Each structure stands twice: as C-alpha cells, then as structure tokens.
C-alpha cells in the first residue's frame, strides 16, 4: 500500500472516530450534537 493511501486512510479513521466520540459524549451529557462531516440531515444523533 502506498504511503499516501495509508496516511489518507488513517486520517479518515481518525475523523470518523472523533465524530463517534463527539456524538457519544453529547448523548451522555444531553447537549445538542455538533454538526460534523457525517451528521444526519437534521444534525441530531438518534
């Protein structure tokens, strides 16, 4: 696997992981979810 593809994959996974962490913490705290690259149409986690 080329190094560039590996770097892109790692960055993509990091973004996805941070998005999940933000949503999980927001659900626990009960605050509105911050819109991100993978947010739903209305911007809320269900």
PDB file of N, CA and C in Angstrom:
ATOM      1  N   UNK A   1       0.861  -1.202   0.000  1.00  0.00           N
ATOM      2  CA  UNK A   1       0.000   0.000   0.000  1.00  0.00           C
ATOM      3  C   UNK A   1       0.888   1.240   0.000  1.00  0.00           C
ATOM      4  N   UNK A   2       0.644   2.151  -0.915  1.00  0.00           N
ATOM      5  CA  UNK A   2       1.443   3.387  -0.942  1.00  0.00           C
ATOM      6  C   UNK A   2       1.288   4.175   0.354  1.00  0.00           C
ATOM      7  N   UNK A   3       2.321   4.895   0.711  1.00  0.00           N
ATOM      8  CA  UNK A   3       2.298   5.655   1.964  1.00  0.00           C
ATOM      9  C   UNK A   3       1.175   6.682   1.975  1.00  0.00           C
ATOM     10  N   UNK A   4       0.949   7.327   0.840  1.00  0.00           N
ATOM     11  CA  UNK A   4      -0.095   8.356   0.786  1.00  0.00           C
ATOM     12  C   UNK A   4      -1.469   7.755   1.081  1.00  0.00           C
ATOM     13  N   UNK A   5      -1.738   6.585   0.524  1.00  0.00           N
ATOM     14  CA  UNK A   5      -3.033   5.943   0.761  1.00  0.00           C
ATOM     15  C   UNK A   5      -3.175   5.565   2.230  1.00  0.00           C
ATOM     16  N   UNK A   6      -2.086   5.126   2.834  1.00  0.00           N
ATOM     17  CA  UNK A   6      -2.121   4.767   4.256  1.00  0.00           C
ATOM     18  C   UNK A   6      -2.418   5.997   5.105  1.00  0.00           C
ATOM     19  N   UNK A   7      -1.772   7.111   4.782  1.00  0.00           N
ATOM     20  CA  UNK A   7      -1.997   8.344   5.539  1.00  0.00           C
ATOM     21  C   UNK A   7      -3.443   8.796   5.409  1.00  0.00           C
ATOM     22  N   UNK A   8      -3.986   8.742   4.194  1.00  0.00           N
ATOM     23  CA  UNK A   8      -5.377   9.153   3.969  1.00  0.00           C
ATOM     24  C   UNK A   8      -6.331   8.252   4.764  1.00  0.00           C
ATOM     25  N   UNK A   9      -6.051   6.948   4.770  1.00  0.00           N
ATOM     26  CA  UNK A   9      -6.913   6.018   5.498  1.00  0.00           C
ATOM     27  C   UNK A   9      -6.870   6.301   6.996  1.00  0.00           C
ATOM     28  N   UNK A  10      -5.677   6.570   7.529  1.00  0.00           N
ATOM     29  CA  UNK A  10      -5.547   6.845   8.968  1.00  0.00           C
ATOM     30  C   UNK A  10      -6.283   8.126   9.326  1.00  0.00           C
ATOM     31  N   UNK A  11      -6.158   9.171   8.492  1.00  0.00           N
ATOM     32  CA  UNK A  11      -6.846  10.432   8.763  1.00  0.00           C
ATOM     33  C   UNK A  11      -8.360  10.227   8.719  1.00  0.00           C
ATOM     34  N   UNK A  12      -8.821   9.454   7.738  1.00  0.00           N
ATOM     35  CA  UNK A  12     -10.246   9.186   7.630  1.00  0.00           C
ATOM     36  C   UNK A  12     -10.791   8.460   8.854  1.00  0.00           C
ATOM     37  N   UNK A  13     -10.041   7.468   9.332  1.00  0.00           N
ATOM     38  CA  UNK A  13     -10.469   6.738  10.525  1.00  0.00           C
ATOM     39  C   UNK A  13     -10.447   7.644  11.745  1.00  0.00           C
ATOM     40  N   UNK A  14      -9.473   8.530  11.831  1.00  0.00           N
ATOM     41  CA  UNK A  14      -9.390   9.447  12.970  1.00  0.00           C
ATOM     42  C   UNK A  14     -10.582  10.396  12.986  1.00  0.00           C
ATOM     43  N   UNK A  15     -10.971  10.888  11.804  1.00  0.00           N
ATOM     44  CA  UNK A  15     -12.132  11.774  11.715  1.00  0.00           C
ATOM     45  C   UNK A  15     -13.395  11.023  12.139  1.00  0.00           C
ATOM     46  N   UNK A  16     -13.545   9.807  11.653  1.00  0.00           N
ATOM     47  CA  UNK A  16     -14.720   9.018  11.992  1.00  0.00           C
ATOM     48  C   UNK A  16     -14.755   8.721  13.486  1.00  0.00           C
ATOM     49  N   UNK A  17     -13.610   8.366  14.058  1.00  0.00           N
ATOM     50  CA  UNK A  17     -13.541   8.065  15.491  1.00  0.00           C
ATOM     51  C   UNK A  17     -13.883   9.296  16.325  1.00  0.00           C
ATOM     52  N   UNK A  18     -13.383  10.464  15.917  1.00  0.00           N
ATOM     53  CA  UNK A  18     -13.671  11.684  16.676  1.00  0.00           C
ATOM     54  C   UNK A  18     -15.152  12.045  16.567  1.00  0.00           C
ATOM     55  N   UNK A  19     -15.731  11.804  15.406  1.00  0.00           N
ATOM     56  CA  UNK A  19     -17.156  12.069  15.220  1.00  0.00           C
ATOM     57  C   UNK A  19     -17.987  11.183  16.151  1.00  0.00           C
ATOM     58  N   UNK A  20     -17.623   9.892  16.234  1.00  0.00           N
ATOM     59  CA  UNK A  20     -18.334   8.970  17.119  1.00  0.00           C
ATOM     60  C   UNK A  20     -18.160   9.401  18.572  1.00  0.00           C
ATOM     61  N   UNK A  21     -16.947   9.805  18.935  1.00  0.00           N
ATOM     62  CA  UNK A  21     -16.686  10.214  20.319  1.00  0.00           C
ATOM     63  C   UNK A  21     -17.491  11.465  20.674  1.00  0.00           C
ATOM     64  N   UNK A  22     -17.580  12.415  19.743  1.00  0.00           N
ATOM     65  CA  UNK A  22     -18.354  13.636  19.994  1.00  0.00           C
ATOM     66  C   UNK A  22     -19.820  13.283  20.206  1.00  0.00           C
ATOM     67  N   UNK A  23     -20.345  12.415  19.350  1.00  0.00           N
ATOM     68  CA  UNK A  23     -21.756  12.033  19.473  1.00  0.00           C
ATOM     69  C   UNK A  23     -22.006  11.272  20.776  1.00  0.00           C
ATOM     70  N   UNK A  24     -21.105  10.358  21.128  1.00  0.00           N
ATOM     71  CA  UNK A  24     -21.285   9.573  22.355  1.00  0.00           C
ATOM     72  C   UNK A  24     -21.261  10.489  23.572  1.00  0.00           C
ATOM     73  N   UNK A  25     -20.323  11.416  23.623  1.00  0.00           N
ATOM     74  CA  UNK A  25     -20.240  12.324  24.769  1.00  0.00           C
ATOM     75  C   UNK A  25     -21.443  13.257  24.800  1.00  0.00           C
ATOM     76  N   UNK A  26     -21.916  13.673  23.632  1.00  0.00           N
ATOM     77  CA  UNK A  26     -23.069  14.565  23.584  1.00  0.00           C
ATOM     78  C   UNK A  26     -24.322  13.849  24.077  1.00  0.00           C
ATOM     79  N   UNK A  27     -24.464  12.575  23.725  1.00  0.00           N
ATOM     80  CA  UNK A  27     -25.625  11.808  24.185  1.00  0.00           C
ATOM     81  C   UNK A  27     -25.578  11.656  25.706  1.00  0.00           C
ATOM     82  N   UNK A  28     -24.390  11.395  26.246  1.00  0.00           N
ATOM     83  CA  UNK A  28     -24.253  11.208  27.695  1.00  0.00           C
ATOM     84  C   UNK A  28     -24.550  12.518  28.420  1.00  0.00           C
ATOM     85  N   UNK A  29     -24.016  13.619  27.916  1.00  0.00           N
ATOM     86  CA  UNK A  29     -24.202  14.908  28.579  1.00  0.00           C
ATOM     87  C   UNK A  29     -25.600  15.459  28.324  1.00  0.00           C
ATOM     88  N   UNK A  30     -26.175  15.121  27.172  1.00  0.00           N
ATOM     89  CA  UNK A  30     -27.507  15.577  26.841  1.00  0.00           C
ATOM     90  C   UNK A  30     -27.514  16.906  26.115  1.00  0.00           C
ATOM     91  N   UNK A  31     -26.369  17.290  25.563  1.00  0.00           N
ATOM     92  CA  UNK A  31     -26.297  18.548  24.823  1.00  0.00           C
ATOM     93  C   UNK A  31     -26.504  18.288  23.337  1.00  0.00           C
ATOM     94  N   UNK A  32     -26.863  19.319  22.568  1.00  0.00           N
ATOM     95  CA  UNK A  32     -27.028  19.134  21.127  1.00  0.00           C
ATOM     96  C   UNK A  32     -25.728  18.664  20.480  1.00  0.00           C
ATOM     97  N   UNK A  33     -25.860  17.847  19.453  1.00  0.00           N
ATOM     98  CA  UNK A  33     -24.694  17.311  18.769  1.00  0.00           C
ATOM     99  C   UNK A  33     -24.121  18.373  17.839  1.00  0.00           C
ATOM    100  N   UNK A  34     -22.801  18.507  17.858  1.00  0.00           N
ATOM    101  CA  UNK A  34     -22.132  19.454  16.975  1.00  0.00           C
ATOM    102  C   UNK A  34     -22.143  18.880  15.555  1.00  0.00           C
ATOM    103  N   UNK A  35     -22.661  19.617  14.574  1.00  0.00           N
ATOM    104  CA  UNK A  35     -22.662  19.104  13.208  1.00  0.00           C
ATOM    105  C   UNK A  35     -21.249  18.810  12.723  1.00  0.00           C
ATOM    106  N   UNK A  36     -21.078  17.671  12.047  1.00  0.00           N
ATOM    107  CA  UNK A  36     -19.771  17.273  11.551  1.00  0.00           C
ATOM    108  C   UNK A  36     -19.893  16.729  10.138  1.00  0.00           C
ATOM    109  N   UNK A  37     -18.803  16.166   9.624  1.00  0.00           N
ATOM    110  CA  UNK A  37     -18.826  15.660   8.251  1.00  0.00           C
ATOM    111  C   UNK A  37     -19.794  14.504   8.045  1.00  0.00           C
ATOM    112  N   UNK A  38     -20.190  13.846   9.138  1.00  0.00           N
ATOM    113  CA  UNK A  38     -21.061  12.672   8.997  1.00  0.00           C
ATOM    114  C   UNK A  38     -22.387  12.863   9.721  1.00  0.00           C
ATOM    115  N   UNK A  39     -22.795  14.122   9.931  1.00  0.00           N
ATOM    116  CA  UNK A  39     -24.024  14.351  10.665  1.00  0.00           C
ATOM    117  C   UNK A  39     -25.236  14.004   9.803  1.00  0.00           C
ATOM    118  N   UNK A  40     -26.336  13.696  10.473  1.00  0.00           N
ATOM    119  CA  UNK A  40     -27.561  13.357   9.764  1.00  0.00           C
ATOM    120  C   UNK A  40     -28.194  14.623   9.187  1.00  0.00           C
ATOM    121  N   UNK A  41     -29.307  14.464   8.481  1.00  0.00           N
ATOM    122  CA  UNK A  41     -29.912  15.580   7.761  1.00  0.00           C
ATOM    123  C   UNK A  41     -30.291  16.711   8.714  1.00  0.00           C
ATOM    124  N   UNK A  42     -30.813  16.368   9.899  1.00  0.00           N
ATOM    125  CA  UNK A  42     -31.245  17.416  10.827  1.00  0.00           C
ATOM    126  C   UNK A  42     -30.141  17.763  11.829  1.00  0.00           C
ATOM    127  N   UNK A  43     -28.996  17.092  11.755  1.00  0.00           N
ATOM    128  CA  UNK A  43     -27.877  17.422  12.608  1.00  0.00           C
ATOM    129  C   UNK A  43     -27.953  16.840  13.997  1.00  0.00           C
ATOM    130  N   UNK A  44     -28.862  15.882  14.220  1.00  0.00           N
ATOM    131  CA  UNK A  44     -29.011  15.295  15.550  1.00  0.00           C
ATOM    132  C   UNK A  44     -28.704  13.806  15.500  1.00  0.00           C
ATOM    133  N   UNK A  45     -28.094  13.306  16.570  1.00  0.00           N
ATOM    134  CA  UNK A  45     -27.853  11.862  16.681  1.00  0.00           C
ATOM    135  C   UNK A  45     -29.119  11.213  17.219  1.00  0.00           C
ATOM    136  N   UNK A  46     -29.477  10.114  16.666  1.00  0.00           N
ATOM    137  CA  UNK A  46     -30.695   9.436  17.105  1.00  0.00           C
ATOM    138  C   UNK A  46     -30.344   8.271  18.023  1.00  0.00           C
TER     139      UNK A  46
END
